[in-house]
């Protein structure tokens, strides 16, 4: 049934495409040509507006992505600093412990 529905949709799409082609092919008067041209210009304007909106949205998304990447790098650097500090504290604790052990064994 899914295949049948898909084939029916393809037939409808093909019919609509043929109808549109026939409509354009059947333009016979200046008035019809003017109407067609007016329609095409309207579609062009609509497409340009949509393109502009999409371009703006893309630029905003790119800026947002750049900001997130910058924050991520800052957080990674901060984590690296904390990790280095933690490792240094562990080393100091180990040295202090070793000194205590050595000091106790001398007594």
N, C-alpha and C. Protein backbone atom coordinates (compact mmCIF):
# COMPACT_ATOMS: atom_id res chain seq x y z
N UNK A 1 0.83 -1.20 0.00
CA UNK A 1 0.00 0.00 0.00
C UNK A 1 0.87 1.25 0.00
N UNK A 2 2.03 1.17 0.66
CA UNK A 2 2.93 2.32 0.67
C UNK A 2 3.47 2.59 -0.73
N UNK A 3 3.78 1.51 -1.45
CA UNK A 3 4.27 1.68 -2.82
C UNK A 3 3.19 2.25 -3.73
N UNK A 4 1.96 1.80 -3.53
CA UNK A 4 0.85 2.31 -4.33
C UNK A 4 0.65 3.80 -4.06
N UNK A 5 0.70 4.18 -2.78
CA UNK A 5 0.54 5.59 -2.43
C UNK A 5 1.67 6.42 -3.03
N UNK A 6 2.89 5.87 -3.01
CA UNK A 6 4.04 6.57 -3.57
C UNK A 6 3.87 6.76 -5.08
N UNK A 7 3.42 5.69 -5.76
CA UNK A 7 3.20 5.80 -7.20
C UNK A 7 2.09 6.80 -7.53
N UNK A 8 1.02 6.79 -6.72
CA UNK A 8 -0.07 7.75 -6.94
C UNK A 8 0.44 9.18 -6.78
N UNK A 9 1.28 9.41 -5.77
CA UNK A 9 1.83 10.75 -5.54
C UNK A 9 2.71 11.16 -6.72
N UNK A 10 3.50 10.22 -7.23
CA UNK A 10 4.36 10.53 -8.38
C UNK A 10 3.52 10.89 -9.61
N UNK A 11 2.40 10.17 -9.79
CA UNK A 11 1.51 10.49 -10.91
C UNK A 11 0.91 11.88 -10.76
N UNK A 12 0.48 12.21 -9.54
CA UNK A 12 -0.07 13.55 -9.30
C UNK A 12 0.98 14.63 -9.56
N UNK A 13 2.20 14.39 -9.09
CA UNK A 13 3.28 15.36 -9.31
C UNK A 13 3.56 15.53 -10.80
N UNK A 14 3.58 14.42 -11.52
CA UNK A 14 3.83 14.47 -12.97
C UNK A 14 2.71 15.23 -13.68
N UNK A 15 1.47 14.96 -13.27
CA UNK A 15 0.33 15.68 -13.87
C UNK A 15 0.42 17.17 -13.60
N UNK A 16 0.77 17.54 -12.36
CA UNK A 16 0.90 18.96 -12.02
C UNK A 16 2.01 19.61 -12.82
N UNK A 17 3.11 18.89 -13.02
CA UNK A 17 4.21 19.41 -13.83
C UNK A 17 3.79 19.60 -15.27
N UNK A 18 3.04 18.63 -15.80
CA UNK A 18 2.56 18.73 -17.17
C UNK A 18 1.57 19.89 -17.31
N UNK A 19 0.70 20.06 -16.31
CA UNK A 19 -0.26 21.15 -16.37
C UNK A 19 0.44 22.50 -16.36
N UNK A 20 1.47 22.62 -15.52
CA UNK A 20 2.20 23.88 -15.46
C UNK A 20 2.90 24.14 -16.79
N UNK A 21 3.50 23.11 -17.37
CA UNK A 21 4.18 23.27 -18.66
C UNK A 21 3.17 23.66 -19.74
N UNK A 22 2.01 22.98 -19.75
CA UNK A 22 0.98 23.30 -20.73
C UNK A 22 0.48 24.73 -20.55
N UNK A 23 0.36 25.16 -19.29
CA UNK A 23 -0.10 26.52 -19.01
C UNK A 23 0.88 27.53 -19.61
N UNK A 24 2.18 27.29 -19.42
CA UNK A 24 3.18 28.22 -19.97
C UNK A 24 3.22 28.13 -21.49
N UNK A 25 3.06 26.91 -22.01
CA UNK A 25 3.09 26.74 -23.47
C UNK A 25 1.86 27.36 -24.15
N UNK A 26 0.78 27.50 -23.40
CA UNK A 26 -0.46 28.00 -24.01
C UNK A 26 -0.61 29.52 -23.94
N UNK A 27 0.42 30.22 -23.49
CA UNK A 27 0.35 31.69 -23.45
C UNK A 27 0.29 32.20 -24.89
N UNK A 28 -0.76 32.93 -25.20
CA UNK A 28 -0.96 33.35 -26.59
C UNK A 28 -1.11 34.86 -26.74
N UNK A 29 -1.41 35.57 -25.65
CA UNK A 29 -1.66 37.01 -25.79
C UNK A 29 -0.68 37.79 -24.93
N UNK A 30 -0.58 39.05 -25.24
CA UNK A 30 0.28 39.94 -24.46
C UNK A 30 -0.20 40.02 -23.02
N UNK A 31 -1.51 40.05 -22.82
CA UNK A 31 -2.07 40.11 -21.47
C UNK A 31 -1.67 38.87 -20.66
N UNK A 32 -1.78 37.70 -21.30
CA UNK A 32 -1.37 36.47 -20.62
C UNK A 32 0.13 36.51 -20.31
N UNK A 33 0.92 37.01 -21.24
CA UNK A 33 2.37 37.10 -21.03
C UNK A 33 2.69 38.06 -19.89
N UNK A 34 1.95 39.20 -19.85
CA UNK A 34 2.15 40.15 -18.75
C UNK A 34 1.82 39.51 -17.40
N UNK A 35 0.71 38.77 -17.37
CA UNK A 35 0.32 38.09 -16.12
C UNK A 35 1.38 37.08 -15.71
N UNK A 36 1.86 36.33 -16.69
CA UNK A 36 2.89 35.32 -16.40
C UNK A 36 4.17 36.00 -15.90
N UNK A 37 4.54 37.09 -16.56
CA UNK A 37 5.74 37.82 -16.16
C UNK A 37 5.58 38.40 -14.75
N UNK A 38 4.40 38.94 -14.47
CA UNK A 38 4.13 39.48 -13.14
C UNK A 38 4.25 38.37 -12.09
N UNK A 39 3.70 37.20 -12.40
CA UNK A 39 3.79 36.06 -11.48
C UNK A 39 5.25 35.66 -11.26
N UNK A 40 6.01 35.57 -12.36
CA UNK A 40 7.42 35.18 -12.24
C UNK A 40 8.23 36.20 -11.44
N UNK A 41 7.96 37.47 -11.66
CA UNK A 41 8.67 38.50 -10.90
C UNK A 41 8.31 38.42 -9.41
N UNK A 42 7.03 38.15 -9.13
CA UNK A 42 6.62 37.96 -7.73
C UNK A 42 7.34 36.79 -7.09
N UNK A 43 7.45 35.70 -7.85
CA UNK A 43 8.18 34.52 -7.35
C UNK A 43 9.66 34.84 -7.14
N UNK A 44 10.24 35.62 -8.04
CA UNK A 44 11.64 36.02 -7.92
C UNK A 44 11.86 36.85 -6.66
N UNK A 45 10.99 37.83 -6.43
CA UNK A 45 11.08 38.67 -5.24
C UNK A 45 10.94 37.81 -3.98
N UNK A 46 9.97 36.92 -4.00
CA UNK A 46 9.75 36.03 -2.86
C UNK A 46 10.99 35.17 -2.60
N UNK A 47 11.58 34.67 -3.66
CA UNK A 47 12.79 33.84 -3.52
C UNK A 47 13.95 34.66 -2.96
N UNK A 48 14.09 35.88 -3.45
CA UNK A 48 15.17 36.75 -2.96
C UNK A 48 14.98 37.08 -1.48
N UNK A 49 13.75 37.35 -1.07
CA UNK A 49 13.47 37.63 0.34
C UNK A 49 13.80 36.41 1.18
N UNK A 50 13.38 35.24 0.72
CA UNK A 50 13.66 34.00 1.44
C UNK A 50 15.16 33.76 1.52
N UNK A 51 15.86 34.00 0.41
CA UNK A 51 17.32 33.83 0.40
C UNK A 51 17.98 34.76 1.41
N UNK A 52 17.51 36.00 1.45
CA UNK A 52 18.06 36.97 2.39
C UNK A 52 17.84 36.53 3.83
N UNK A 53 16.64 36.05 4.12
CA UNK A 53 16.34 35.58 5.48
C UNK A 53 17.22 34.39 5.84
N UNK A 54 17.37 33.46 4.89
CA UNK A 54 18.20 32.29 5.15
C UNK A 54 19.67 32.68 5.33
N UNK A 55 20.13 33.63 4.53
CA UNK A 55 21.51 34.10 4.65
C UNK A 55 21.74 34.74 6.02
N UNK A 56 20.79 35.55 6.46
CA UNK A 56 20.88 36.19 7.77
C UNK A 56 20.89 35.14 8.88
N UNK A 57 20.02 34.16 8.75
CA UNK A 57 19.95 33.09 9.73
C UNK A 57 21.26 32.30 9.77
N UNK A 58 21.82 32.04 8.59
CA UNK A 58 23.10 31.34 8.52
C UNK A 58 24.20 32.14 9.20
N UNK A 59 24.25 33.43 8.95
CA UNK A 59 25.28 34.28 9.56
C UNK A 59 25.13 34.31 11.08
N UNK A 60 23.88 34.37 11.55
CA UNK A 60 23.65 34.35 13.00
C UNK A 60 24.08 33.01 13.59
N UNK A 61 23.77 31.94 12.89
CA UNK A 61 24.16 30.61 13.37
C UNK A 61 25.68 30.47 13.39
N UNK A 62 26.34 31.00 12.37
CA UNK A 62 27.81 30.93 12.33
C UNK A 62 28.42 31.73 13.47
N UNK A 63 27.86 32.90 13.75
CA UNK A 63 28.36 33.72 14.86
C UNK A 63 28.14 33.00 16.19
N UNK A 64 26.97 32.40 16.34
CA UNK A 64 26.66 31.66 17.56
C UNK A 64 27.61 30.47 17.71
N UNK A 65 27.84 29.77 16.62
CA UNK A 65 28.76 28.64 16.65
C UNK A 65 30.17 29.09 17.03
N UNK A 66 30.59 30.20 16.49
CA UNK A 66 31.91 30.75 16.81
C UNK A 66 32.01 31.09 18.30
N UNK A 67 30.94 31.68 18.84
CA UNK A 67 30.92 32.01 20.27
C UNK A 67 31.00 30.75 21.13
N UNK A 68 30.26 29.72 20.73
CA UNK A 68 30.27 28.47 21.49
C UNK A 68 31.65 27.81 21.41
N UNK A 69 32.28 27.85 20.24
CA UNK A 69 33.62 27.28 20.10
C UNK A 69 34.62 28.03 20.97
N UNK A 70 34.48 29.35 21.03
CA UNK A 70 35.37 30.16 21.87
C UNK A 70 35.19 29.79 23.34
N UNK A 71 33.91 29.66 23.77
CA UNK A 71 33.64 29.28 25.16
C UNK A 71 34.20 27.89 25.45
N UNK A 72 34.06 26.98 24.51
CA UNK A 72 34.56 25.62 24.68
C UNK A 72 36.08 25.64 24.86
N UNK A 73 36.77 26.42 24.04
CA UNK A 73 38.23 26.51 24.17
C UNK A 73 38.62 27.10 25.53
N UNK A 74 37.90 28.12 25.97
CA UNK A 74 38.18 28.73 27.26
C UNK A 74 37.98 27.71 28.38
N UNK A 75 36.91 26.94 28.29
CA UNK A 75 36.64 25.91 29.31
C UNK A 75 37.70 24.82 29.29
N UNK A 76 38.13 24.42 28.10
CA UNK A 76 39.20 23.42 27.99
C UNK A 76 40.49 23.93 28.62
N UNK A 77 40.81 25.18 28.35
CA UNK A 77 42.01 25.77 28.94
C UNK A 77 41.89 25.83 30.46
N UNK A 78 40.71 26.20 30.94
CA UNK A 78 40.48 26.28 32.39
C UNK A 78 40.62 24.89 33.02
N UNK A 79 40.06 23.89 32.36
CA UNK A 79 40.17 22.51 32.87
C UNK A 79 41.62 22.07 32.88
N UNK A 80 42.37 22.41 31.85
CA UNK A 80 43.79 22.05 31.79
C UNK A 80 44.56 22.71 32.93
N UNK A 81 44.23 23.97 33.22
CA UNK A 81 44.88 24.67 34.33
C UNK A 81 44.53 24.01 35.66
N UNK A 82 43.26 23.68 35.85
CA UNK A 82 42.85 23.02 37.09
C UNK A 82 43.51 21.65 37.23
N UNK A 83 43.62 20.94 36.11
CA UNK A 83 44.25 19.63 36.14
C UNK A 83 45.72 19.75 36.51
N UNK A 84 46.41 20.74 35.95
CA UNK A 84 47.82 20.95 36.27
C UNK A 84 47.97 21.32 37.75
N UNK A 85 47.09 22.17 38.24
CA UNK A 85 47.13 22.56 39.65
C UNK A 85 46.88 21.34 40.55
N UNK A 86 45.91 20.51 40.16
CA UNK A 86 45.60 19.31 40.92
C UNK A 86 46.80 18.36 40.94
N UNK A 87 47.42 18.16 39.78
CA UNK A 87 48.60 17.29 39.71
C UNK A 87 49.73 17.84 40.58
N UNK A 88 49.88 19.15 40.60
CA UNK A 88 50.90 19.78 41.43
C UNK A 88 50.60 19.56 42.91
N UNK A 89 49.32 19.68 43.29
CA UNK A 89 48.94 19.43 44.68
C UNK A 89 49.19 17.98 45.08
N UNK A 90 48.92 17.06 44.17
CA UNK A 90 49.20 15.64 44.45
C UNK A 90 50.68 15.44 44.67
N UNK A 91 51.50 16.05 43.82
CA UNK A 91 52.95 15.92 43.94
C UNK A 91 53.44 16.48 45.28
N UNK A 92 52.91 17.63 45.67
CA UNK A 92 53.29 18.23 46.95
C UNK A 92 52.87 17.31 48.10
N UNK A 93 51.65 16.77 48.04
CA UNK A 93 51.18 15.85 49.09
C UNK A 93 52.06 14.61 49.17
N UNK A 94 52.43 14.06 48.00
CA UNK A 94 53.30 12.88 47.99
C UNK A 94 54.67 13.20 48.59
N UNK A 95 55.20 14.36 48.27
CA UNK A 95 56.51 14.75 48.81
C UNK A 95 56.42 14.93 50.33
N UNK A 96 55.35 15.58 50.79
CA UNK A 96 55.18 15.77 52.23
C UNK A 96 55.03 14.42 52.93
N UNK A 97 54.30 13.52 52.33
CA UNK A 97 54.11 12.20 52.91
C UNK A 97 55.46 11.46 52.97
N UNK A 98 56.19 11.55 51.86
CA UNK A 98 57.48 10.87 51.82
C UNK A 98 58.43 11.45 52.87
N UNK A 99 58.38 12.76 53.06
CA UNK A 99 59.22 13.39 54.08
C UNK A 99 58.84 12.90 55.47
N UNK A 100 57.52 12.76 55.72
CA UNK A 100 57.05 12.25 57.01
C UNK A 100 57.51 10.82 57.22
N UNK A 101 57.40 10.01 56.18
CA UNK A 101 57.83 8.61 56.28
C UNK A 101 59.33 8.54 56.53
N UNK A 102 60.09 9.32 55.79
CA UNK A 102 61.55 9.34 55.97
C UNK A 102 61.91 9.87 57.35
N UNK A 103 61.20 10.90 57.80
CA UNK A 103 61.46 11.49 59.10
C UNK A 103 61.14 10.51 60.22
N UNK A 104 60.05 9.76 60.07
CA UNK A 104 59.65 8.74 61.07
C UNK A 104 60.63 7.59 61.11
N UNK A 105 61.17 7.22 59.97
CA UNK A 105 62.09 6.08 59.94
C UNK A 105 63.44 6.44 60.54
N UNK A 106 63.79 7.71 60.61
CA UNK A 106 65.05 8.15 61.21
C UNK A 106 64.97 8.10 62.73
N UNK A 107 63.77 8.15 63.27
CA UNK A 107 63.66 8.20 64.72
C UNK A 107 63.80 6.90 65.31
